[in-house]
Amino acid sequence: MTRRGRQSATGIERFAAMGTRVELHRFGGGDPDALAMARRAIEAVDDALTIHRPSSATAMNDALRGGRVAVIDDPLLLDALVRIDAGHVATDGLFDPTVGVQASGSGGWQALCIDRVAATVSCAAPIALDFGGFGKGYALDRAAAALRAAGVTCALLSAGESSIAVLGEHPLGGAWSFGIPDPRDAGRTLVEIELIDAALSVSSTVGGGTLAPDRAAMVRPRDGAVMVAPRAAVVTERSGAMAEMLSTALIVADDAGVVRLHDGKSRMLFDLAPGEPIRMVSE
């Protein structure tokens, strides 16, 4: 993504987390240690939600695969589950992080029983969760909250460039402007977005990011259909986690789901058929 206009940040933190490159840019004001606090917030989310090394999430998945009740001892994981539950409802079931089952009938997210008071999760059938379509946005939400608590009022946070959050207005005033490149041709702009105190998520079935060896296929929960149509979803929301869930939901949506979720303003879906001009679905 390209940013219009430049001003030097008063602090920058770059590191790897959530399986991608993270950049945190602070512009003026706030606790001098604010960026370090934001980095720790992101790394804490990574530690809680990763399924690629021992974590609270892998312990939960081990229990659920074995048909046992999972006791959630990490408050971040429990909070993530609660937020995903809200996202599952908001997307009419099109965002579903369960893996290894078809999310219909007795399977999928709706089969989980989350007891927020007892901090437990159970399921009648073996199941596991993958937080890949949620974690980066959630991590940016936690980092943004840490920055605000530290007195920072202007910042740009990026996780792999497909997940972005901004605090306040641009340091030069007004909105932060981003040009979203066409995944088929980085020299072309898919759409331009303006943000103030908001988050942005981009999901696509085409482009270099889809070729990562550990990237799972995007599957429609209701029927298990693997999504191969060339599409890109661009979503802006107050919450990075919700933006991630909505962009994933738009990618896997059937026609009826697109009608419900796509609004052409903050929730956009593009048809990226090879050789065709950029076309927003439902236009």
Protein backbone atom coordinates (compact mmCIF):
# COMPACT_ATOMS: atom_id res chain seq x y z
CA MET A 1 0.00 0.00 0.00
CA THR A 2 1.18 3.53 -0.68
CA ARG A 3 0.88 6.47 1.68
CA ARG A 4 0.23 10.01 0.34
CA GLY A 5 2.43 12.62 2.04
CA ARG A 6 5.41 12.13 4.36
CA GLN A 7 6.54 13.36 7.75
CA SER A 8 9.28 11.85 9.88
CA ALA A 9 8.05 9.76 12.79
CA THR A 10 9.33 10.58 16.25
CA GLY A 11 9.64 6.87 16.94
CA ILE A 12 9.69 3.68 14.87
CA GLU A 13 9.63 0.02 15.94
CA ARG A 14 10.13 -2.77 13.40
CA PHE A 15 10.00 -6.48 14.21
CA ALA A 16 8.58 -9.83 13.13
CA ALA A 17 5.39 -11.17 14.74
CA MET A 18 2.17 -12.90 13.71
CA GLY A 19 4.10 -14.46 10.83
CA THR A 20 4.76 -11.09 9.18
CA ARG A 21 6.70 -7.82 9.35
CA VAL A 22 5.27 -5.33 11.84
CA GLU A 23 5.98 -1.60 11.79
CA LEU A 24 4.87 0.88 14.46
CA HIS A 25 5.30 4.61 13.78
CA ARG A 26 4.64 7.16 16.53
CA PHE A 27 4.34 10.87 15.74
CA GLY A 28 4.91 13.16 18.72
CA GLY A 29 3.75 13.06 22.33
CA GLY A 30 3.18 10.25 24.78
CA ASP A 31 5.35 8.09 26.99
CA PRO A 32 8.84 7.57 25.53
CA ASP A 33 8.38 3.82 26.07
CA ALA A 34 5.02 3.74 24.26
CA LEU A 35 6.28 1.85 21.21
CA ALA A 36 7.92 -0.78 23.39
CA MET A 37 4.59 -1.21 25.19
CA ALA A 38 2.79 -1.58 21.87
CA ARG A 39 5.32 -4.14 20.70
CA ARG A 40 4.84 -6.18 23.87
CA ALA A 41 1.06 -6.05 23.31
CA ILE A 42 1.47 -7.52 19.82
CA GLU A 43 3.94 -10.17 20.96
CA ALA A 44 1.57 -11.17 23.77
CA VAL A 45 -1.21 -11.74 21.21
CA ASP A 46 1.21 -13.74 19.05
CA ASP A 47 2.19 -15.89 22.04
CA ALA A 48 -1.46 -16.48 22.98
CA LEU A 49 -2.94 -17.23 19.54
CA THR A 50 -0.16 -18.93 17.56
CA ILE A 51 -0.77 -22.52 16.52
CA HIS A 52 2.76 -22.95 15.14
CA ARG A 53 4.48 -23.47 18.51
CA PRO A 54 3.33 -24.42 22.04
CA SER A 55 0.85 -21.81 23.24
CA SER A 56 -2.47 -21.37 25.00
CA ALA A 57 -4.13 -21.86 21.60
CA THR A 58 -2.35 -25.16 20.89
CA ALA A 59 -3.24 -26.42 24.37
CA MET A 60 -6.88 -25.52 23.72
CA ASN A 61 -6.80 -27.23 20.32
CA ASP A 62 -5.27 -30.38 21.81
CA ALA A 63 -8.14 -30.57 24.30
CA LEU A 64 -10.83 -29.89 21.69
CA ARG A 65 -9.40 -32.44 19.26
CA GLY A 66 -9.47 -34.98 22.05
CA GLY A 67 -13.09 -34.26 22.94
CA ARG A 68 -12.14 -32.68 26.27
CA VAL A 69 -13.17 -29.42 27.86
CA ALA A 70 -10.46 -26.80 27.31
CA VAL A 71 -9.67 -24.59 30.28
CA ILE A 72 -8.55 -21.17 29.03
CA ASP A 73 -5.87 -19.79 31.33
CA ASP A 74 -4.84 -16.88 29.08
CA PRO A 75 -7.18 -13.85 29.25
CA LEU A 76 -6.09 -12.77 25.77
CA LEU A 77 -7.22 -16.07 24.27
CA LEU A 78 -10.55 -15.88 26.10
CA ASP A 79 -11.06 -12.30 24.93
CA ALA A 80 -10.21 -13.35 21.36
CA LEU A 81 -12.81 -16.12 21.50
CA VAL A 82 -15.47 -13.68 22.71
CA ARG A 83 -14.63 -11.24 19.90
CA ILE A 84 -14.67 -14.00 17.29
CA ASP A 85 -18.09 -15.05 18.55
CA ALA A 86 -19.32 -11.50 17.87
CA GLY A 87 -17.65 -11.54 14.44
CA HIS A 88 -19.27 -14.87 13.58
CA VAL A 89 -22.67 -13.31 14.28
CA ALA A 90 -21.84 -10.05 12.45
CA THR A 91 -20.85 -11.99 9.31
CA ASP A 92 -23.86 -14.31 9.49
CA GLY A 93 -21.51 -17.24 10.04
CA LEU A 94 -19.23 -16.46 7.09
CA PHE A 95 -16.26 -15.91 9.39
CA ASP A 96 -15.48 -19.25 11.00
CA PRO A 97 -11.95 -20.06 12.25
CA THR A 98 -12.57 -23.77 12.77
CA VAL A 99 -10.44 -26.20 10.79
CA GLY A 100 -10.70 -29.87 9.98
CA VAL A 101 -14.48 -29.91 9.83
CA GLN A 102 -17.17 -28.55 7.53
CA ALA A 103 -18.74 -25.69 9.44
CA SER A 104 -22.32 -26.82 8.99
CA GLY A 105 -24.67 -29.20 10.73
CA SER A 106 -22.93 -30.37 13.91
CA GLY A 107 -19.54 -28.87 13.04
CA GLY A 108 -17.99 -25.44 12.95
CA TRP A 109 -17.98 -22.48 15.29
CA GLN A 110 -21.65 -22.81 16.20
CA ALA A 111 -20.90 -26.18 17.77
CA LEU A 112 -18.57 -24.61 20.34
CA CYS A 113 -19.75 -23.88 23.85
CA ILE A 114 -17.85 -20.95 25.38
CA ASP A 115 -18.34 -20.42 29.11
CA ARG A 116 -16.98 -16.94 29.77
CA VAL A 117 -17.44 -17.18 33.54
CA ALA A 118 -15.69 -20.54 33.94
CA ALA A 119 -13.23 -19.69 31.12
CA THR A 120 -13.79 -22.99 29.34
CA VAL A 121 -14.51 -24.10 25.78
CA SER A 122 -16.02 -27.41 24.74
CA CYS A 123 -17.43 -29.09 21.66
CA ALA A 124 -19.41 -32.26 21.08
CA ALA A 125 -17.20 -33.19 18.09
CA PRO A 126 -13.40 -32.98 17.60
CA ILE A 127 -12.50 -29.50 16.40
CA ALA A 128 -9.58 -27.03 16.23
CA LEU A 129 -9.22 -23.29 15.65
CA ASP A 130 -6.89 -21.25 13.44
CA PHE A 131 -6.65 -17.52 14.25
CA GLY A 132 -5.05 -16.53 10.94
CA GLY A 133 -8.01 -14.44 9.72
CA PHE A 134 -8.27 -12.57 13.01
CA GLY A 135 -4.95 -12.38 14.82
CA LYS A 136 -3.20 -9.50 13.03
CA GLY A 137 -6.14 -7.15 13.37
CA TYR A 138 -6.61 -8.12 17.01
CA ALA A 139 -2.90 -7.55 17.69
CA LEU A 140 -3.10 -4.08 16.15
CA ASP A 141 -6.15 -3.32 18.30
CA ARG A 142 -4.18 -4.27 21.43
CA ALA A 143 -1.18 -2.21 20.30
CA ALA A 144 -3.37 0.80 19.57
CA ALA A 145 -4.94 0.53 23.02
CA ALA A 146 -1.48 0.40 24.59
CA LEU A 147 -0.42 3.52 22.69
CA ARG A 148 -3.54 5.43 23.70
CA ALA A 149 -3.00 4.45 27.33
CA ALA A 150 0.56 5.80 27.02
CA GLY A 151 -0.72 9.17 25.79
CA VAL A 152 0.00 8.70 22.08
CA THR A 153 -2.57 10.43 19.85
CA CYS A 154 -0.99 10.01 16.40
CA ALA A 155 0.43 6.73 15.09
CA LEU A 156 0.51 4.34 12.13
CA LEU A 157 0.58 0.59 12.77
CA SER A 158 1.12 -1.99 10.04
CA ALA A 159 1.19 -5.80 10.09
CA GLY A 160 2.32 -7.07 6.71
CA GLU A 161 0.70 -4.07 4.96
CA SER A 162 -2.57 -5.98 4.57
CA SER A 163 -3.56 -5.00 8.12
CA ILE A 164 -3.24 -1.35 9.15
CA ALA A 165 -4.47 0.80 12.02
CA VAL A 166 -4.07 4.54 12.59
CA LEU A 167 -4.48 6.66 15.71
CA GLY A 168 -5.93 10.11 15.25
CA GLU A 169 -5.40 12.28 12.20
CA HIS A 170 -2.34 12.34 9.97
CA PRO A 171 0.49 14.40 11.55
CA LEU A 172 0.03 16.98 8.76
CA GLY A 173 -3.70 17.16 9.50
CA GLY A 174 -6.73 15.45 8.04
CA ALA A 175 -7.15 11.81 7.14
CA TRP A 176 -4.45 9.23 6.46
CA SER A 177 -4.69 8.29 2.77
CA PHE A 178 -3.73 4.86 1.44
CA GLY A 179 -3.62 3.58 -2.11
CA ILE A 180 -4.48 -0.14 -2.18
CA PRO A 181 -2.59 -1.79 -5.07
CA ASP A 182 -4.26 -4.18 -7.48
CA PRO A 183 -2.90 -7.65 -6.47
CA ARG A 184 -2.56 -8.47 -10.17
CA ASP A 185 -0.40 -5.41 -10.89
CA ALA A 186 1.30 -3.42 -8.12
CA GLY A 187 1.53 -0.46 -10.51
CA ARG A 188 -2.25 -0.02 -10.49
CA THR A 189 -4.40 1.20 -7.61
CA LEU A 190 -7.43 -0.85 -6.65
CA VAL A 191 -8.95 1.87 -4.47
CA GLU A 192 -7.91 4.81 -2.31
CA ILE A 193 -8.88 4.80 1.34
CA GLU A 194 -8.90 7.57 3.97
CA LEU A 195 -8.74 6.75 7.68
CA ILE A 196 -8.95 8.62 10.97
CA ASP A 197 -8.77 6.54 14.15
CA ALA A 198 -9.66 3.39 12.25
CA ALA A 199 -8.34 0.12 10.86
CA LEU A 200 -8.00 -1.39 7.40
CA SER A 201 -7.86 -5.01 6.26
CA VAL A 202 -7.20 -6.35 2.77
CA SER A 203 -7.81 -9.99 1.82
CA SER A 204 -7.28 -11.55 -1.60
CA THR A 205 -7.27 -14.86 -3.41
CA VAL A 206 -4.60 -13.64 -5.88
CA GLY A 207 -1.19 -12.01 -5.60
CA GLY A 208 2.14 -12.87 -4.02
CA GLY A 209 0.77 -13.17 -0.49
CA THR A 210 -1.45 -16.10 -1.50
CA LEU A 211 1.60 -18.19 -2.46
CA ALA A 212 3.04 -18.54 1.05
CA PRO A 213 3.66 -22.26 1.76
CA ASP A 214 1.78 -22.20 5.09
CA ARG A 215 -1.23 -20.26 3.82
CA ALA A 216 -4.41 -22.28 4.20
CA ALA A 217 -7.05 -22.31 1.49
CA MET A 218 -9.99 -19.98 2.09
CA VAL A 219 -13.12 -22.05 2.53
CA ARG A 220 -16.79 -21.05 2.68
CA PRO A 221 -18.04 -22.35 6.04
CA ARG A 222 -21.55 -23.35 5.01
CA ASP A 223 -20.64 -25.78 2.24
CA GLY A 224 -16.87 -26.27 2.46
CA ALA A 225 -16.31 -24.74 -1.00
CA VAL A 226 -12.69 -23.70 -1.59
CA MET A 227 -12.55 -20.13 -2.86
CA VAL A 228 -10.67 -19.94 -6.16
CA ALA A 229 -12.45 -16.98 -7.81
CA PRO A 230 -10.02 -14.02 -8.19
CA ARG A 231 -11.23 -11.57 -5.57
CA ALA A 232 -9.97 -8.88 -3.21
CA ALA A 233 -11.83 -7.50 -0.21
CA VAL A 234 -11.04 -4.12 1.36
CA VAL A 235 -12.67 -3.29 4.70
CA THR A 236 -12.37 -0.35 7.09
CA GLU A 237 -13.66 -0.52 10.66
CA ARG A 238 -13.00 1.00 14.06
CA SER A 239 -11.68 -2.39 15.14
CA GLY A 240 -8.85 -4.12 13.32
CA ALA A 241 -10.12 -7.52 14.44
CA MET A 242 -13.57 -6.85 13.01
CA ALA A 243 -12.05 -5.53 9.77
CA GLU A 244 -10.08 -8.78 9.41
CA MET A 245 -13.13 -10.94 10.00
CA LEU A 246 -15.27 -8.96 7.57
CA SER A 247 -12.66 -9.00 4.80
CA THR A 248 -12.30 -12.76 5.16
CA ALA A 249 -16.09 -13.16 5.15
CA LEU A 250 -16.43 -11.11 1.95
CA ILE A 251 -13.87 -13.27 0.17
CA VAL A 252 -15.75 -16.50 0.94
CA ALA A 253 -19.29 -15.09 0.64
CA ASP A 254 -21.81 -16.49 -1.80
CA ASP A 255 -24.03 -14.07 -3.75
CA ALA A 256 -26.47 -13.65 -0.87
CA GLY A 257 -23.61 -13.05 1.57
CA VAL A 258 -22.09 -10.40 -0.69
CA VAL A 259 -25.42 -8.58 -0.82
CA ARG A 260 -25.58 -8.56 3.00
CA LEU A 261 -21.98 -7.52 3.68
CA HIS A 262 -20.84 -5.38 0.73
CA ASP A 263 -21.69 -1.67 0.92
CA GLY A 264 -19.24 -0.21 -1.61
CA LYS A 265 -17.84 2.26 0.97
CA SER A 266 -16.30 0.65 4.04
CA ARG A 267 -16.84 -2.95 2.88
CA MET A 268 -15.73 -3.52 -0.71
CA LEU A 269 -15.30 -6.63 -2.82
CA PHE A 270 -13.49 -6.54 -6.18
CA ASP A 271 -13.64 -8.98 -9.10
CA LEU A 272 -10.07 -9.51 -10.29
CA ALA A 273 -10.60 -11.70 -13.34
CA PRO A 274 -7.36 -11.88 -15.40
CA GLY A 275 -7.17 -9.30 -18.17
CA GLU A 276 -10.30 -7.51 -16.97
CA PRO A 277 -10.51 -3.94 -15.64
CA ILE A 278 -11.00 -3.38 -11.92
CA ARG A 279 -14.64 -3.98 -11.08
CA MET A 280 -16.33 -3.75 -7.70
CA VAL A 281 -18.70 -6.65 -7.12
CA SER A 282 -22.38 -5.55 -6.92
CA GLU A 283 -21.73 -2.39 -8.95
